[in-house]
Amino acid sequence: MKRPQYLTALGASLAGFLAITAAVFSGLRASTGLSPAQFREQVMGGELLPQTRAIYQRAAARGEIDPERIPPAVLALPFDLLRHDLLMSLDAPSAERVHSIVDEVFLPLLRTHRES
């Protein structure tokens, strides 16, 4: 399956965000006493980032996905995995890691919901 446009832009669009987030989270617990998960819940609740939502809206407009058929957990998964990598290494994931998440995890999950 050809990689959709919205996924090839994933690494580039998140690189700056990931670098800043790593710096912020490294001092988060010390300054607020909150874990990254607690902080995220306070700031965002269960919502996707606006940039993430826009990526999926454009993909839907092109007919690449039907967000109504894809569980929110699946839509959040590539970003959750990238966030995990960021928090574990305090460095932006490599392009190879982003491609692995997309090609080996996310696209196969999308296929299962496209066929159901």
PDB file of N, CA and C in Angstrom:
ATOM      1  N   MET A   1       0.841  -1.180   0.000  1.00  0.00           N
ATOM      2  CA  MET A   1       0.000   0.000   0.000  1.00  0.00           C
ATOM      3  C   MET A   1       0.885   1.241   0.000  1.00  0.00           C
ATOM      4  N   LYS A   2       0.596   2.150  -0.879  1.00  0.00           N
ATOM      5  CA  LYS A   2       1.345   3.404  -0.946  1.00  0.00           C
ATOM      6  C   LYS A   2       1.081   4.216   0.321  1.00  0.00           C
ATOM      7  N   ARG A   3       2.132   4.798   0.861  1.00  0.00           N
ATOM      8  CA  ARG A   3       1.986   5.600   2.076  1.00  0.00           C
ATOM      9  C   ARG A   3       1.216   6.871   1.744  1.00  0.00           C
ATOM     10  N   PRO A   4       0.087   7.110   2.443  1.00  0.00           N
ATOM     11  CA  PRO A   4      -0.679   8.334   2.198  1.00  0.00           C
ATOM     12  C   PRO A   4       0.118   9.576   2.560  1.00  0.00           C
ATOM     13  N   GLN A   5      -0.208  10.682   1.907  1.00  0.00           N
ATOM     14  CA  GLN A   5       0.507  11.943   2.121  1.00  0.00           C
ATOM     15  C   GLN A   5       0.507  12.376   3.572  1.00  0.00           C
ATOM     16  N   TYR A   6      -0.603  12.159   4.267  1.00  0.00           N
ATOM     17  CA  TYR A   6      -0.685  12.649   5.637  1.00  0.00           C
ATOM     18  C   TYR A   6       0.303  11.952   6.554  1.00  0.00           C
ATOM     19  N   LEU A   7       0.729  10.757   6.205  1.00  0.00           N
ATOM     20  CA  LEU A   7       1.675  10.052   7.060  1.00  0.00           C
ATOM     21  C   LEU A   7       3.120  10.394   6.730  1.00  0.00           C
ATOM     22  N   THR A   8       3.406  10.705   5.493  1.00  0.00           N
ATOM     23  CA  THR A   8       4.786  11.061   5.153  1.00  0.00           C
ATOM     24  C   THR A   8       5.177  12.394   5.767  1.00  0.00           C
ATOM     25  N   ALA A   9       4.189  13.233   6.059  1.00  0.00           N
ATOM     26  CA  ALA A   9       4.461  14.531   6.684  1.00  0.00           C
ATOM     27  C   ALA A   9       4.597  14.432   8.197  1.00  0.00           C
ATOM     28  N   LEU A  10       4.321  13.275   8.752  1.00  0.00           N
ATOM     29  CA  LEU A  10       4.301  13.102  10.206  1.00  0.00           C
ATOM     30  C   LEU A  10       5.605  13.505  10.868  1.00  0.00           C
ATOM     31  N   GLY A  11       6.718  12.960  10.403  1.00  0.00           N
ATOM     32  CA  GLY A  11       8.000  13.257  11.038  1.00  0.00           C
ATOM     33  C   GLY A  11       8.372  14.722  10.974  1.00  0.00           C
ATOM     34  N   ALA A  12       8.218  15.321   9.818  1.00  0.00           N
ATOM     35  CA  ALA A  12       8.600  16.727   9.656  1.00  0.00           C
ATOM     36  C   ALA A  12       7.733  17.652  10.491  1.00  0.00           C
ATOM     37  N   SER A  13       6.446  17.376  10.547  1.00  0.00           N
ATOM     38  CA  SER A  13       5.555  18.279  11.275  1.00  0.00           C
ATOM     39  C   SER A  13       5.724  18.178  12.779  1.00  0.00           C
ATOM     40  N   LEU A  14       6.247  17.065  13.248  1.00  0.00           N
ATOM     41  CA  LEU A  14       6.389  16.885  14.693  1.00  0.00           C
ATOM     42  C   LEU A  14       7.794  17.140  15.218  1.00  0.00           C
ATOM     43  N   ALA A  15       8.768  17.285  14.364  1.00  0.00           N
ATOM     44  CA  ALA A  15      10.161  17.385  14.823  1.00  0.00           C
ATOM     45  C   ALA A  15      10.372  18.526  15.809  1.00  0.00           C
ATOM     46  N   GLY A  16       9.918  19.715  15.462  1.00  0.00           N
ATOM     47  CA  GLY A  16      10.076  20.852  16.370  1.00  0.00           C
ATOM     48  C   GLY A  16       9.283  20.674  17.648  1.00  0.00           C
ATOM     49  N   PHE A  17       8.064  20.194  17.497  1.00  0.00           N
ATOM     50  CA  PHE A  17       7.222  19.954  18.668  1.00  0.00           C
ATOM     51  C   PHE A  17       7.881  18.957  19.612  1.00  0.00           C
ATOM     52  N   LEU A  18       8.443  17.895  19.074  1.00  0.00           N
ATOM     53  CA  LEU A  18       9.061  16.868  19.912  1.00  0.00           C
ATOM     54  C   LEU A  18      10.274  17.396  20.661  1.00  0.00           C
ATOM     55  N   ALA A  19      11.073  18.202  20.014  1.00  0.00           N
ATOM     56  CA  ALA A  19      12.256  18.759  20.677  1.00  0.00           C
ATOM     57  C   ALA A  19      11.856  19.664  21.839  1.00  0.00           C
ATOM     58  N   ILE A  20      10.871  20.504  21.614  1.00  0.00           N
ATOM     59  CA  ILE A  20      10.397  21.396  22.676  1.00  0.00           C
ATOM     60  C   ILE A  20       9.750  20.595  23.797  1.00  0.00           C
ATOM     61  N   THR A  21       8.955  19.616  23.427  1.00  0.00           N
ATOM     62  CA  THR A  21       8.268  18.805  24.425  1.00  0.00           C
ATOM     63  C   THR A  21       9.251  18.058  25.309  1.00  0.00           C
ATOM     64  N   ALA A  22      10.319  17.554  24.730  1.00  0.00           N
ATOM     65  CA  ALA A  22      11.325  16.847  25.528  1.00  0.00           C
ATOM     66  C   ALA A  22      11.896  17.757  26.605  1.00  0.00           C
ATOM     67  N   ALA A  23      12.205  18.975  26.235  1.00  0.00           N
ATOM     68  CA  ALA A  23      12.754  19.925  27.207  1.00  0.00           C
ATOM     69  C   ALA A  23      11.735  20.264  28.288  1.00  0.00           C
ATOM     70  N   VAL A  24      10.508  20.461  27.888  1.00  0.00           N
ATOM     71  CA  VAL A  24       9.458  20.809  28.850  1.00  0.00           C
ATOM     72  C   VAL A  24       9.204  19.662  29.821  1.00  0.00           C
ATOM     73  N   PHE A  25       9.053  18.456  29.307  1.00  0.00           N
ATOM     74  CA  PHE A  25       8.741  17.324  30.180  1.00  0.00           C
ATOM     75  C   PHE A  25       9.884  16.955  31.109  1.00  0.00           C
ATOM     76  N   SER A  26      11.101  17.266  30.724  1.00  0.00           N
ATOM     77  CA  SER A  26      12.225  16.930  31.603  1.00  0.00           C
ATOM     78  C   SER A  26      12.159  17.707  32.913  1.00  0.00           C
ATOM     79  N   GLY A  27      11.558  18.904  32.899  1.00  0.00           N
ATOM     80  CA  GLY A  27      11.426  19.685  34.126  1.00  0.00           C
ATOM     81  C   GLY A  27      10.019  19.721  34.695  1.00  0.00           C
ATOM     82  N   LEU A  28       9.090  19.051  34.058  1.00  0.00           N
ATOM     83  CA  LEU A  28       7.688  19.123  34.456  1.00  0.00           C
ATOM     84  C   LEU A  28       7.442  18.610  35.866  1.00  0.00           C
ATOM     85  N   ARG A  29       7.924  17.429  36.159  1.00  0.00           N
ATOM     86  CA  ARG A  29       7.658  16.834  37.460  1.00  0.00           C
ATOM     87  C   ARG A  29       8.247  17.694  38.574  1.00  0.00           C
ATOM     88  N   ALA A  30       9.462  18.184  38.365  1.00  0.00           N
ATOM     89  CA  ALA A  30      10.117  18.988  39.401  1.00  0.00           C
ATOM     90  C   ALA A  30       9.357  20.283  39.682  1.00  0.00           C
ATOM     91  N   SER A  31       8.842  20.925  38.650  1.00  0.00           N
ATOM     92  CA  SER A  31       8.211  22.229  38.856  1.00  0.00           C
ATOM     93  C   SER A  31       6.732  22.152  39.226  1.00  0.00           C
ATOM     94  N   THR A  32       6.020  21.103  38.794  1.00  0.00           N
ATOM     95  CA  THR A  32       4.575  21.039  39.048  1.00  0.00           C
ATOM     96  C   THR A  32       4.153  19.855  39.892  1.00  0.00           C
ATOM     97  N   GLY A  33       4.988  18.833  39.952  1.00  0.00           N
ATOM     98  CA  GLY A  33       4.593  17.614  40.642  1.00  0.00           C
ATOM     99  C   GLY A  33       3.683  16.725  39.812  1.00  0.00           C
ATOM    100  N   LEU A  34       3.410  17.117  38.570  1.00  0.00           N
ATOM    101  CA  LEU A  34       2.531  16.334  37.700  1.00  0.00           C
ATOM    102  C   LEU A  34       3.344  15.440  36.778  1.00  0.00           C
ATOM    103  N   SER A  35       2.814  14.267  36.502  1.00  0.00           N
ATOM    104  CA  SER A  35       3.413  13.419  35.477  1.00  0.00           C
ATOM    105  C   SER A  35       3.016  13.984  34.118  1.00  0.00           C
ATOM    106  N   PRO A  36       3.714  13.590  33.054  1.00  0.00           N
ATOM    107  CA  PRO A  36       3.295  14.043  31.718  1.00  0.00           C
ATOM    108  C   PRO A  36       1.840  13.681  31.413  1.00  0.00           C
ATOM    109  N   ALA A  37       1.398  12.494  31.832  1.00  0.00           N
ATOM    110  CA  ALA A  37       0.011  12.094  31.575  1.00  0.00           C
ATOM    111  C   ALA A  37      -0.973  12.995  32.317  1.00  0.00           C
ATOM    112  N   GLN A  38      -0.671  13.319  33.568  1.00  0.00           N
ATOM    113  CA  GLN A  38      -1.550  14.197  34.338  1.00  0.00           C
ATOM    114  C   GLN A  38      -1.585  15.600  33.727  1.00  0.00           C
ATOM    115  N   PHE A  39      -0.433  16.087  33.326  1.00  0.00           N
ATOM    116  CA  PHE A  39      -0.357  17.406  32.708  1.00  0.00           C
ATOM    117  C   PHE A  39      -1.159  17.439  31.411  1.00  0.00           C
ATOM    118  N   ARG A  40      -0.979  16.424  30.576  1.00  0.00           N
ATOM    119  CA  ARG A  40      -1.698  16.358  29.299  1.00  0.00           C
ATOM    120  C   ARG A  40      -3.202  16.337  29.540  1.00  0.00           C
ATOM    121  N   GLU A  41      -3.645  15.550  30.503  1.00  0.00           N
ATOM    122  CA  GLU A  41      -5.073  15.469  30.802  1.00  0.00           C
ATOM    123  C   GLU A  41      -5.615  16.828  31.244  1.00  0.00           C
ATOM    124  N   GLN A  42      -4.868  17.543  32.066  1.00  0.00           N
ATOM    125  CA  GLN A  42      -5.315  18.866  32.512  1.00  0.00           C
ATOM    126  C   GLN A  42      -5.396  19.852  31.350  1.00  0.00           C
ATOM    127  N   VAL A  43      -4.443  19.794  30.452  1.00  0.00           N
ATOM    128  CA  VAL A  43      -4.386  20.755  29.352  1.00  0.00           C
ATOM    129  C   VAL A  43      -5.340  20.394  28.226  1.00  0.00           C
ATOM    130  N   MET A  44      -5.368  19.120  27.832  1.00  0.00           N
ATOM    131  CA  MET A  44      -6.068  18.728  26.613  1.00  0.00           C
ATOM    132  C   MET A  44      -7.281  17.849  26.831  1.00  0.00           C
ATOM    133  N   GLY A  45      -7.403  17.222  27.974  1.00  0.00           N
ATOM    134  CA  GLY A  45      -8.455  16.231  28.118  1.00  0.00           C
ATOM    135  C   GLY A  45      -8.177  15.094  27.154  1.00  0.00           C
ATOM    136  N   GLY A  46      -9.187  14.568  26.507  1.00  0.00           N
ATOM    137  CA  GLY A  46      -8.997  13.468  25.570  1.00  0.00           C
ATOM    138  C   GLY A  46      -8.891  13.898  24.127  1.00  0.00           C
ATOM    139  N   GLU A  47      -8.738  15.183  23.867  1.00  0.00           N
ATOM    140  CA  GLU A  47      -8.736  15.703  22.500  1.00  0.00           C
ATOM    141  C   GLU A  47      -7.414  15.455  21.775  1.00  0.00           C
ATOM    142  N   LEU A  48      -7.513  15.289  20.461  1.00  0.00           N
ATOM    143  CA  LEU A  48      -6.323  15.257  19.614  1.00  0.00           C
ATOM    144  C   LEU A  48      -5.780  16.673  19.482  1.00  0.00           C
ATOM    145  N   LEU A  49      -4.491  16.787  19.243  1.00  0.00           N
ATOM    146  CA  LEU A  49      -3.911  18.095  18.949  1.00  0.00           C
ATOM    147  C   LEU A  49      -4.569  18.661  17.693  1.00  0.00           C
ATOM    148  N   PRO A  50      -4.743  19.974  17.620  1.00  0.00           N
ATOM    149  CA  PRO A  50      -5.364  20.554  16.415  1.00  0.00           C
ATOM    150  C   PRO A  50      -4.645  20.156  15.124  1.00  0.00           C
ATOM    151  N   GLN A  51      -3.301  20.079  15.152  1.00  0.00           N
ATOM    152  CA  GLN A  51      -2.558  19.693  13.950  1.00  0.00           C
ATOM    153  C   GLN A  51      -2.883  18.250  13.561  1.00  0.00           C
ATOM    154  N   THR A  52      -3.021  17.391  14.551  1.00  0.00           N
ATOM    155  CA  THR A  52      -3.350  15.991  14.301  1.00  0.00           C
ATOM    156  C   THR A  52      -4.740  15.885  13.695  1.00  0.00           C
ATOM    157  N   ARG A  53      -5.680  16.593  14.273  1.00  0.00           N
ATOM    158  CA  ARG A  53      -7.046  16.590  13.760  1.00  0.00           C
ATOM    159  C   ARG A  53      -7.056  17.061  12.304  1.00  0.00           C
ATOM    160  N   ALA A  54      -6.296  18.104  11.995  1.00  0.00           N
ATOM    161  CA  ALA A  54      -6.244  18.632  10.628  1.00  0.00           C
ATOM    162  C   ALA A  54      -5.656  17.611   9.656  1.00  0.00           C
ATOM    163  N   ILE A  55      -4.648  16.871  10.086  1.00  0.00           N
ATOM    164  CA  ILE A  55      -4.042  15.837   9.232  1.00  0.00           C
ATOM    165  C   ILE A  55      -5.100  14.811   8.843  1.00  0.00           C
ATOM    166  N   TYR A  56      -5.866  14.342   9.825  1.00  0.00           N
ATOM    167  CA  TYR A  56      -6.889  13.332   9.550  1.00  0.00           C
ATOM    168  C   TYR A  56      -8.053  13.909   8.741  1.00  0.00           C
ATOM    169  N   GLN A  57      -8.402  15.162   8.958  1.00  0.00           N
ATOM    170  CA  GLN A  57      -9.470  15.785   8.170  1.00  0.00           C
ATOM    171  C   GLN A  57      -9.070  15.881   6.700  1.00  0.00           C
ATOM    172  N   ARG A  58      -7.810  16.247   6.440  1.00  0.00           N
ATOM    173  CA  ARG A  58      -7.340  16.316   5.047  1.00  0.00           C
ATOM    174  C   ARG A  58      -7.308  14.923   4.418  1.00  0.00           C
ATOM    175  N   ALA A  59      -6.881  13.925   5.184  1.00  0.00           N
ATOM    176  CA  ALA A  59      -6.859  12.551   4.669  1.00  0.00           C
ATOM    177  C   ALA A  59      -8.276  12.084   4.342  1.00  0.00           C
ATOM    178  N   ALA A  60      -9.226  12.429   5.181  1.00  0.00           N
ATOM    179  CA  ALA A  60     -10.622  12.062   4.928  1.00  0.00           C
ATOM    180  C   ALA A  60     -11.147  12.774   3.684  1.00  0.00           C
ATOM    181  N   ALA A  61     -10.798  14.041   3.520  1.00  0.00           N
ATOM    182  CA  ALA A  61     -11.239  14.797   2.342  1.00  0.00           C
ATOM    183  C   ALA A  61     -10.704  14.185   1.054  1.00  0.00           C
ATOM    184  N   ARG A  62      -9.501  13.582   1.129  1.00  0.00           N
ATOM    185  CA  ARG A  62      -8.915  12.920  -0.047  1.00  0.00           C
ATOM    186  C   ARG A  62      -9.440  11.497  -0.219  1.00  0.00           C
ATOM    187  N   GLY A  63     -10.267  11.025   0.717  1.00  0.00           N
ATOM    188  CA  GLY A  63     -10.813   9.676   0.628  1.00  0.00           C
ATOM    189  C   GLY A  63      -9.870   8.590   1.107  1.00  0.00           C
ATOM    190  N   GLU A  64      -8.800   8.953   1.802  1.00  0.00           N
ATOM    191  CA  GLU A  64      -7.823   7.965   2.267  1.00  0.00           C
ATOM    192  C   GLU A  64      -8.276   7.248   3.536  1.00  0.00           C
ATOM    193  N   ILE A  65      -9.048   7.923   4.365  1.00  0.00           N
ATOM    194  CA  ILE A  65      -9.562   7.306   5.590  1.00  0.00           C
ATOM    195  C   ILE A  65     -10.996   7.758   5.826  1.00  0.00           C
ATOM    196  N   ASP A  66     -11.701   6.983   6.645  1.00  0.00           N
ATOM    197  CA  ASP A  66     -13.025   7.362   7.132  1.00  0.00           C
ATOM    198  C   ASP A  66     -12.924   7.419   8.650  1.00  0.00           C
ATOM    199  N   PRO A  67     -12.709   8.604   9.216  1.00  0.00           N
ATOM    200  CA  PRO A  67     -12.487   8.716  10.658  1.00  0.00           C
ATOM    201  C   PRO A  67     -13.626   8.156  11.505  1.00  0.00           C
ATOM    202  N   GLU A  68     -14.824   8.091  10.956  1.00  0.00           N
ATOM    203  CA  GLU A  68     -15.959   7.542  11.703  1.00  0.00           C
ATOM    204  C   GLU A  68     -15.816   6.042  11.933  1.00  0.00           C
ATOM    205  N   ARG A  69     -15.066   5.365  11.090  1.00  0.00           N
ATOM    206  CA  ARG A  69     -14.891   3.912  11.209  1.00  0.00           C
ATOM    207  C   ARG A  69     -13.641   3.533  11.985  1.00  0.00           C
ATOM    208  N   ILE A  70     -12.815   4.498  12.300  1.00  0.00           N
ATOM    209  CA  ILE A  70     -11.541   4.215  12.968  1.00  0.00           C
ATOM    210  C   ILE A  70     -11.652   4.630  14.432  1.00  0.00           C
ATOM    211  N   PRO A  71     -11.410   3.699  15.353  1.00  0.00           N
ATOM    212  CA  PRO A  71     -11.491   4.045  16.776  1.00  0.00           C
ATOM    213  C   PRO A  71     -10.496   5.154  17.139  1.00  0.00           C
ATOM    214  N   PRO A  72     -10.876   6.033  18.053  1.00  0.00           N
ATOM    215  CA  PRO A  72      -9.970   7.101  18.480  1.00  0.00           C
ATOM    216  C   PRO A  72      -8.612   6.583  18.947  1.00  0.00           C
ATOM    217  N   ALA A  73      -8.585   5.417  19.572  1.00  0.00           N
ATOM    218  CA  ALA A  73      -7.307   4.860  20.039  1.00  0.00           C
ATOM    219  C   ALA A  73      -6.372   4.572  18.872  1.00  0.00           C
ATOM    220  N   VAL A  74      -6.917   4.140  17.738  1.00  0.00           N
ATOM    221  CA  VAL A  74      -6.090   3.869  16.559  1.00  0.00           C
ATOM    222  C   VAL A  74      -5.562   5.181  15.984  1.00  0.00           C
ATOM    223  N   LEU A  75      -6.409   6.200  15.919  1.00  0.00           N
ATOM    224  CA  LEU A  75      -5.964   7.495  15.402  1.00  0.00           C
ATOM    225  C   LEU A  75      -4.894   8.120  16.292  1.00  0.00           C
ATOM    226  N   ALA A  76      -4.987   7.885  17.583  1.00  0.00           N
ATOM    227  CA  ALA A  76      -4.010   8.458  18.518  1.00  0.00           C
ATOM    228  C   ALA A  76      -2.717   7.654  18.573  1.00  0.00           C
ATOM    229  N   LEU A  77      -2.753   6.388  18.159  1.00  0.00           N
ATOM    230  CA  LEU A  77      -1.618   5.488  18.366  1.00  0.00           C
ATOM    231  C   LEU A  77      -0.284   5.970  17.804  1.00  0.00           C
ATOM    232  N   PRO A  78      -0.191   6.430  16.550  1.00  0.00           N
ATOM    233  CA  PRO A  78       1.139   6.833  16.072  1.00  0.00           C
ATOM    234  C   PRO A  78       1.732   7.965  16.909  1.00  0.00           C
ATOM    235  N   PHE A  79       0.890   8.873  17.341  1.00  0.00           N
ATOM    236  CA  PHE A  79       1.367   9.995  18.152  1.00  0.00           C
ATOM    237  C   PHE A  79       1.703   9.541  19.571  1.00  0.00           C
ATOM    238  N   ASP A  80       0.929   8.587  20.087  1.00  0.00           N
ATOM    239  CA  ASP A  80       1.242   8.024  21.405  1.00  0.00           C
ATOM    240  C   ASP A  80       2.593   7.315  21.381  1.00  0.00           C
ATOM    241  N   LEU A  81       2.856   6.562  20.316  1.00  0.00           N
ATOM    242  CA  LEU A  81       4.144   5.865  20.207  1.00  0.00           C
ATOM    243  C   LEU A  81       5.296   6.857  20.073  1.00  0.00           C
ATOM    244  N   LEU A  82       5.099   7.905  19.289  1.00  0.00           N
ATOM    245  CA  LEU A  82       6.139   8.931  19.164  1.00  0.00           C
ATOM    246  C   LEU A  82       6.363   9.638  20.495  1.00  0.00           C
ATOM    247  N   ARG A  83       5.287   9.920  21.199  1.00  0.00           N
ATOM    248  CA  ARG A  83       5.411  10.568  22.511  1.00  0.00           C
ATOM    249  C   ARG A  83       6.162   9.651  23.480  1.00  0.00           C
ATOM    250  N   HIS A  84       5.858   8.362  23.440  1.00  0.00           N
ATOM    251  CA  HIS A  84       6.569   7.400  24.285  1.00  0.00           C
ATOM    252  C   HIS A  84       8.061   7.415  23.979  1.00  0.00           C
ATOM    253  N   ASP A  85       8.407   7.356  22.698  1.00  0.00           N
ATOM    254  CA  ASP A  85       9.820   7.383  22.312  1.00  0.00           C
ATOM    255  C   ASP A  85      10.491   8.658  22.805  1.00  0.00           C
ATOM    256  N   LEU A  86       9.801   9.767  22.655  1.00  0.00           N
ATOM    257  CA  LEU A  86      10.333  11.054  23.091  1.00  0.00           C
ATOM    258  C   LEU A  86      10.586  11.059  24.594  1.00  0.00           C
ATOM    259  N   LEU A  87       9.626  10.587  25.351  1.00  0.00           N
ATOM    260  CA  LEU A  87       9.770  10.596  26.807  1.00  0.00           C
ATOM    261  C   LEU A  87      10.835   9.619  27.288  1.00  0.00           C
ATOM    262  N   MET A  88      11.029   8.540  26.566  1.00  0.00           N
ATOM    263  CA  MET A  88      12.028   7.553  26.972  1.00  0.00           C
ATOM    264  C   MET A  88      13.444   7.991  26.614  1.00  0.00           C
ATOM    265  N   SER A  89      13.602   8.690  25.492  1.00  0.00           N
ATOM    266  CA  SER A  89      14.952   9.056  25.046  1.00  0.00           C
ATOM    267  C   SER A  89      15.254  10.548  25.170  1.00  0.00           C
ATOM    268  N   LEU A  90      14.218  11.364  25.368  1.00  0.00           N
ATOM    269  CA  LEU A  90      14.352  12.828  25.378  1.00  0.00           C
ATOM    270  C   LEU A  90      14.991  13.344  24.091  1.00  0.00           C
ATOM    271  N   ASP A  91      14.725  12.633  23.001  1.00  0.00           N
ATOM    272  CA  ASP A  91      15.220  13.020  21.685  1.00  0.00           C
ATOM    273  C   ASP A  91      14.147  12.675  20.657  1.00  0.00           C
ATOM    274  N   ALA A  92      14.107  13.422  19.572  1.00  0.00           N
ATOM    275  CA  ALA A  92      13.133  13.153  18.516  1.00  0.00           C
ATOM    276  C   ALA A  92      13.401  11.785  17.902  1.00  0.00           C
ATOM    277  N   PRO A  93      12.349  11.014  17.636  1.00  0.00           N
ATOM    278  CA  PRO A  93      12.538   9.716  16.982  1.00  0.00           C
ATOM    279  C   PRO A  93      13.153   9.886  15.596  1.00  0.00           C
ATOM    280  N   SER A  94      13.915   8.899  15.197  1.00  0.00           N
ATOM    281  CA  SER A  94      14.541   8.930  13.874  1.00  0.00           C
ATOM    282  C   SER A  94      13.486   8.756  12.786  1.00  0.00           C
ATOM    283  N   ALA A  95      13.850   9.118  11.578  1.00  0.00           N
ATOM    284  CA  ALA A  95      12.955   8.916  10.435  1.00  0.00           C
ATOM    285  C   ALA A  95      12.623   7.438  10.272  1.00  0.00           C
ATOM    286  N   GLU A  96      13.605   6.576  10.536  1.00  0.00           N
ATOM    287  CA  GLU A  96      13.369   5.138  10.431  1.00  0.00           C
ATOM    288  C   GLU A  96      12.309   4.689  11.429  1.00  0.00           C
ATOM    289  N   ARG A  97      12.356   5.237  12.641  1.00  0.00           N
ATOM    290  CA  ARG A  97      11.374   4.876  13.666  1.00  0.00           C
ATOM    291  C   ARG A  97       9.986   5.364  13.257  1.00  0.00           C
ATOM    292  N   VAL A  98       9.894   6.568  12.730  1.00  0.00           N
ATOM    293  CA  VAL A  98       8.604   7.092  12.278  1.00  0.00           C
ATOM    294  C   VAL A  98       8.045   6.203  11.175  1.00  0.00           C
ATOM    295  N   HIS A  99       8.888   5.837  10.213  1.00  0.00           N
ATOM    296  CA  HIS A  99       8.438   4.952   9.129  1.00  0.00           C
ATOM    297  C   HIS A  99       7.998   3.599   9.677  1.00  0.00           C
ATOM    298  N   SER A 100       8.699   3.078  10.661  1.00  0.00           N
ATOM    299  CA  SER A 100       8.328   1.801  11.268  1.00  0.00           C
ATOM    300  C   SER A 100       6.956   1.892  11.932  1.00  0.00           C
ATOM    301  N   ILE A 101       6.730   2.953  12.682  1.00  0.00           N
ATOM    302  CA  ILE A 101       5.428   3.141  13.336  1.00  0.00           C
ATOM    303  C   ILE A 101       4.324   3.216  12.289  1.00  0.00           C
ATOM    304  N   VAL A 102       4.566   3.966  11.236  1.00  0.00           N
ATOM    305  CA  VAL A 102       3.554   4.142  10.195  1.00  0.00           C
ATOM    306  C   VAL A 102       3.335   2.852   9.418  1.00  0.00           C
ATOM    307  N   ASP A 103       4.407   2.271   8.886  1.00  0.00           N
ATOM    308  CA  ASP A 103       4.289   1.127   7.981  1.00  0.00           C
ATOM    309  C   ASP A 103       3.958  -0.189   8.678  1.00  0.00           C
ATOM    310  N   GLU A 104       4.507  -0.405   9.867  1.00  0.00           N
ATOM    311  CA  GLU A 104       4.365  -1.701  10.527  1.00  0.00           C
ATOM    312  C   GLU A 104       3.250  -1.741  11.568  1.00  0.00           C
ATOM    313  N   VAL A 105       2.801  -0.579  12.025  1.00  0.00           N
ATOM    314  CA  VAL A 105       1.774  -0.547  13.068  1.00  0.00           C
ATOM    315  C   VAL A 105       0.507   0.165  12.578  1.00  0.00           C
ATOM    316  N   PHE A 106       0.642   1.425  12.189  1.00  0.00           N
ATOM    317  CA  PHE A 106      -0.532   2.245  11.905  1.00  0.00           C
ATOM    318  C   PHE A 106      -1.263   1.831  10.627  1.00  0.00           C
ATOM    319  N   LEU A 107      -0.553   1.706   9.512  1.00  0.00           N
ATOM    320  CA  LEU A 107      -1.231   1.336   8.261  1.00  0.00           C
ATOM    321  C   LEU A 107      -1.919  -0.022   8.345  1.00  0.00           C
ATOM    322  N   PRO A 108      -1.284  -1.047   8.947  1.00  0.00           N
ATOM    323  CA  PRO A 108      -2.022  -2.308   9.101  1.00  0.00           C
ATOM    324  C   PRO A 108      -3.301  -2.155   9.937  1.00  0.00           C
ATOM    325  N   LEU A 109      -3.258  -1.331  10.976  1.00  0.00           N
ATOM    326  CA  LEU A 109      -4.473  -1.093  11.762  1.00  0.00           C
ATOM    327  C   LEU A 109      -5.535  -0.375  10.934  1.00  0.00           C
ATOM    328  N   LEU A 110      -5.116   0.590  10.134  1.00  0.00           N
ATOM    329  CA  LEU A 110      -6.083   1.281   9.273  1.00  0.00           C
ATOM    330  C   LEU A 110      -6.735   0.310   8.297  1.00  0.00           C
ATOM    331  N   ARG A 111      -5.946  -0.612   7.763  1.00  0.00           N
ATOM    332  CA  ARG A 111      -6.494  -1.598   6.814  1.00  0.00           C
ATOM    333  C   ARG A 111      -7.588  -2.433   7.464  1.00  0.00           C
ATOM    334  N   THR A 112      -7.403  -2.815   8.722  1.00  0.00           N
ATOM    335  CA  THR A 112      -8.423  -3.645   9.380  1.00  0.00           C
ATOM    336  C   THR A 112      -9.733  -2.882   9.530  1.00  0.00           C
ATOM    337  N   HIS A 113      -9.667  -1.590   9.707  1.00  0.00           N
ATOM    338  CA  HIS A 113     -10.894  -0.803   9.859  1.00  0.00           C
ATOM    339  C   HIS A 113     -11.464  -0.372   8.515  1.00  0.00           C
ATOM    340  N   ARG A 114     -10.659  -0.400   7.495  1.00  0.00           N
ATOM    341  CA  ARG A 114     -11.148  -0.114   6.147  1.00  0.00           C
ATOM    342  C   ARG A 114     -11.952  -1.308   5.631  1.00  0.00           C
ATOM    343  N   GLU A 115     -11.529  -2.518   6.032  1.00  0.00           N
ATOM    344  CA  GLU A 115     -12.165  -3.743   5.553  1.00  0.00           C
ATOM    345  C   GLU A 115     -13.358  -4.162   6.399  1.00  0.00           C
ATOM    346  N   SER A 116     -13.502  -3.592   7.591  1.00  0.00           N
ATOM    347  CA  SER A 116     -14.598  -4.021   8.475  1.00  0.00           C
ATOM    348  C   SER A 116     -15.898  -3.320   8.163  1.00  0.00           C
TER     349      SER A 116
END
